[in-house]
Amino acid sequence: MTVSLDLSDIETATLGHFLSEGFMAPSIQGLVPERRIFGPAFTVRMPSDDGAALVQALAQVQPGQVIVIDRCGDLRHACWGAVTTAAAQARGAAGVVIDGFVTDRSAILAAGFAVWCRGRSPITTKPRGLSGDVNVPINCGGTAVRPGDIILADESGVAVMDPAQASEFCARARQIQHDEIAILERLNAGETLAQITGRAN
């Protein structure tokens, strides 16, 4: 299930230079510093404090997929911790993006697993088995995510791309990043940004 498109050199912030849609709320940030992950979305919808859908998801996720969890507005319970981290790593998941909270921060950091979330909470979900869905269209961080959408997450945030457009977007981003090298060289040589952009008076 690993995506054939290599996004390892693409920054979400570069995509943000020419895209306005497809970005999760900026409050969803990486727990492990200086990480970048990408891959097809494996989606989970988890209402309230019911963690049963995540247990199911962790038995189905494939290597290279990014688990994306819609917490349906729950801003109280942590759905991710040491045990779920170990389960995801055992399945070869690339990482997890959660529109909600985690616990066991030290264990997650020690494991080195890539996690994006809104923060931490000591109150956890329970596997009640009353609701929730796996591999369905969801909303995470204010952005629609379909199973198989391409997820790119880094130090600036999380971007979601339609697989049919991801190659085009990444090629454009790669060109922008290449052009920025020359801009930085000109700035270091003494030119102003106004001169470089043609906006000097």
Protein backbone atom coordinates (compact mmCIF):
# COMPACT_ATOMS: atom_id res chain seq x y z
CA MET A 1 0.00 0.00 0.00
CA THR A 2 2.96 2.37 -0.10
CA VAL A 3 2.40 5.29 -2.43
CA SER A 4 4.53 5.19 -5.58
CA LEU A 5 4.86 8.99 -5.56
CA ASP A 6 7.89 10.17 -3.58
CA LEU A 7 6.98 13.16 -1.41
CA SER A 8 9.99 12.93 0.89
CA ASP A 9 11.35 16.30 -0.31
CA ILE A 10 8.02 18.17 -0.46
CA GLU A 11 7.03 20.60 2.28
CA THR A 12 3.41 21.25 3.23
CA ALA A 13 4.26 24.95 3.46
CA THR A 14 5.34 24.94 -0.19
CA LEU A 15 1.97 23.48 -1.18
CA GLY A 16 0.46 26.32 0.82
CA HIS A 17 2.03 28.83 -1.58
CA PHE A 18 -0.42 27.88 -4.31
CA LEU A 19 -3.18 25.83 -2.63
CA SER A 20 -5.80 27.09 -0.18
CA GLU A 21 -7.82 23.92 0.34
CA GLY A 22 -6.84 20.50 1.62
CA PHE A 23 -5.02 21.57 4.78
CA MET A 24 -6.00 20.43 8.25
CA ALA A 25 -6.42 22.90 11.11
CA PRO A 26 -3.02 24.35 12.10
CA SER A 27 -3.67 23.20 15.67
CA ILE A 28 -3.01 19.62 14.52
CA GLN A 29 0.76 19.43 14.90
CA GLY A 30 3.48 16.81 15.03
CA LEU A 31 4.25 15.24 18.40
CA VAL A 32 7.66 13.93 17.30
CA PRO A 33 9.89 16.80 16.10
CA GLU A 34 11.32 17.08 12.60
CA ARG A 35 9.35 14.22 11.07
CA ARG A 36 7.79 14.03 7.60
CA ILE A 37 5.50 11.24 6.50
CA PHE A 38 3.38 10.58 3.45
CA GLY A 39 1.14 7.82 2.22
CA PRO A 40 -2.42 6.78 1.44
CA ALA A 41 -5.01 7.53 4.09
CA PHE A 42 -6.54 4.73 6.12
CA THR A 43 -9.50 6.45 7.74
CA VAL A 44 -11.22 5.91 11.08
CA ARG A 45 -14.34 7.60 12.45
CA MET A 46 -14.46 7.52 16.27
CA PRO A 47 -17.38 9.28 17.98
CA SER A 48 -17.21 10.23 21.66
CA ASP A 49 -15.28 7.83 23.93
CA ASP A 50 -15.81 4.66 21.86
CA GLY A 51 -12.44 3.27 20.75
CA ALA A 52 -13.68 0.03 19.14
CA ALA A 53 -13.25 1.28 15.56
CA LEU A 54 -9.56 1.97 16.19
CA VAL A 55 -9.01 -1.58 17.44
CA GLN A 56 -10.52 -2.79 14.17
CA ALA A 57 -8.43 -0.34 12.13
CA LEU A 58 -5.20 -1.47 13.73
CA ALA A 59 -5.92 -5.01 12.56
CA GLN A 60 -6.49 -3.87 8.96
CA VAL A 61 -4.06 -1.01 8.24
CA GLN A 62 -1.38 -1.88 5.67
CA PRO A 63 2.33 -0.98 5.55
CA GLY A 64 2.91 2.59 4.36
CA GLN A 65 -0.61 3.81 5.07
CA VAL A 66 -1.27 6.85 7.25
CA ILE A 67 -4.02 6.33 9.83
CA VAL A 68 -6.31 9.37 9.88
CA ILE A 69 -8.76 9.61 12.79
CA ASP A 70 -11.91 11.74 12.88
CA ARG A 71 -12.81 12.24 16.54
CA CYS A 72 -16.18 13.76 15.61
CA GLY A 73 -15.62 16.84 17.74
CA ASP A 74 -14.55 15.04 20.93
CA LEU A 75 -12.12 17.37 22.67
CA ARG A 76 -11.87 15.41 25.93
CA HIS A 77 -10.71 11.82 25.38
CA ALA A 78 -7.32 10.58 24.18
CA CYS A 79 -7.66 7.78 21.62
CA TRP A 80 -3.94 7.08 21.12
CA GLY A 81 -1.15 5.97 23.43
CA ALA A 82 1.62 3.44 24.00
CA VAL A 83 -0.39 0.34 23.08
CA THR A 84 -1.90 1.75 19.87
CA THR A 85 1.55 3.01 18.88
CA ALA A 86 3.00 -0.49 19.24
CA ALA A 87 0.08 -1.97 17.30
CA ALA A 88 0.48 0.53 14.44
CA GLN A 89 4.24 -0.02 14.26
CA ALA A 90 3.73 -3.78 14.14
CA ARG A 91 1.46 -3.29 11.10
CA GLY A 92 3.97 -1.00 9.37
CA ALA A 93 1.80 2.13 9.39
CA ALA A 94 3.65 5.29 8.33
CA GLY A 95 2.09 7.36 11.10
CA VAL A 96 -1.18 8.68 12.48
CA VAL A 97 -3.06 11.97 12.21
CA ILE A 98 -5.68 12.58 14.90
CA ASP A 99 -8.28 15.34 15.16
CA GLY A 100 -8.04 14.99 18.91
CA PHE A 101 -5.76 14.02 21.74
CA VAL A 102 -3.17 11.43 22.74
CA THR A 103 -1.76 10.15 26.01
CA ASP A 104 1.54 8.41 26.91
CA ARG A 105 3.63 11.08 25.18
CA SER A 106 6.92 9.75 26.56
CA ALA A 107 6.23 6.24 25.26
CA ILE A 108 5.30 7.58 21.82
CA LEU A 109 8.48 9.65 21.68
CA ALA A 110 10.57 6.69 22.82
CA ALA A 111 9.04 4.55 20.07
CA GLY A 112 9.74 7.26 17.49
CA PHE A 113 6.33 6.80 15.89
CA ALA A 114 5.07 9.75 13.84
CA VAL A 115 1.96 11.30 15.42
CA TRP A 116 0.05 14.48 14.58
CA CYS A 117 -2.63 15.55 17.06
CA ARG A 118 -4.26 18.49 18.87
CA GLY A 119 -2.56 17.83 22.21
CA ARG A 120 -2.71 15.53 25.23
CA SER A 121 -5.34 14.25 27.65
CA PRO A 122 -5.24 11.75 30.54
CA ILE A 123 -8.80 10.52 29.84
CA THR A 124 -8.87 7.67 27.34
CA THR A 125 -11.43 6.10 25.01
CA LYS A 126 -12.84 2.64 25.77
CA PRO A 127 -13.63 -0.18 23.28
CA ARG A 128 -17.41 -0.03 23.76
CA GLY A 129 -18.31 -1.29 20.28
CA LEU A 130 -21.33 0.99 19.96
CA SER A 131 -20.32 3.18 17.04
CA GLY A 132 -17.53 4.13 14.65
CA ASP A 133 -16.41 3.20 11.15
CA VAL A 134 -13.25 2.15 9.33
CA ASN A 135 -12.14 3.13 5.82
CA VAL A 136 -15.00 5.55 5.13
CA PRO A 137 -14.98 9.24 4.10
CA ILE A 138 -14.32 11.38 7.16
CA ASN A 139 -13.53 14.94 8.20
CA CYS A 140 -10.25 15.55 10.02
CA GLY A 141 -9.18 19.00 11.10
CA GLY A 142 -11.89 20.63 9.00
CA THR A 143 -10.81 18.82 5.83
CA ALA A 144 -12.51 15.98 3.98
CA VAL A 145 -10.43 12.81 3.80
CA ARG A 146 -11.32 9.78 1.69
CA PRO A 147 -9.68 6.37 1.96
CA GLY A 148 -6.63 6.43 -0.30
CA ASP A 149 -6.20 10.20 -0.36
CA ILE A 150 -2.54 11.18 -0.16
CA ILE A 151 -1.49 12.52 3.23
CA LEU A 152 1.62 14.65 3.68
CA ALA A 153 2.49 15.69 7.22
CA ASP A 154 5.53 17.60 8.44
CA GLU A 155 6.67 20.26 10.90
CA SER A 156 4.19 22.82 9.49
CA GLY A 157 1.05 20.70 9.48
CA VAL A 158 -0.96 18.21 7.43
CA ALA A 159 -2.02 18.35 3.77
CA VAL A 160 -4.54 16.10 2.02
CA MET A 161 -4.37 15.53 -1.74
CA ASP A 162 -6.52 13.74 -4.28
CA PRO A 163 -4.33 10.94 -5.71
CA ALA A 164 -5.20 12.14 -9.22
CA GLN A 165 -3.72 15.59 -8.49
CA ALA A 166 -0.89 14.76 -6.11
CA SER A 167 1.75 14.26 -8.82
CA GLU A 168 0.99 17.65 -10.41
CA PHE A 169 0.96 19.44 -7.07
CA CYS A 170 4.25 17.91 -5.99
CA ALA A 171 5.97 18.76 -9.27
CA ARG A 172 4.90 22.38 -8.85
CA ALA A 173 6.03 22.43 -5.21
CA ARG A 174 9.38 20.91 -6.13
CA GLN A 175 9.94 23.67 -8.71
CA ILE A 176 9.09 26.37 -6.17
CA GLN A 177 11.54 24.90 -3.67
CA HIS A 178 14.22 24.80 -6.36
CA ASP A 179 13.58 28.44 -7.30
CA GLU A 180 13.81 29.48 -3.64
CA ILE A 181 17.48 28.43 -3.58
CA ALA A 182 18.34 31.16 -6.10
CA ILE A 183 16.22 33.70 -4.20
CA LEU A 184 18.07 32.97 -0.96
CA GLU A 185 21.41 33.29 -2.74
CA ARG A 186 20.41 36.71 -4.10
CA LEU A 187 19.24 37.86 -0.67
CA ASN A 188 22.53 36.75 0.87
CA ALA A 189 24.35 38.67 -1.89
CA GLY A 190 22.67 41.91 -0.81
CA GLU A 191 19.56 42.27 -2.98
CA THR A 192 16.28 43.11 -1.30
CA LEU A 193 13.16 41.01 -1.63
CA ALA A 194 11.49 43.97 -3.33
CA GLN A 195 14.22 44.03 -5.97
CA ILE A 196 14.00 40.29 -6.56
CA THR A 197 10.20 40.30 -6.88
CA GLY A 198 10.19 43.40 -9.06
CA ARG A 199 8.34 45.47 -6.48
CA ALA A 200 11.07 47.97 -5.76
CA ASN A 201 10.08 51.64 -6.10
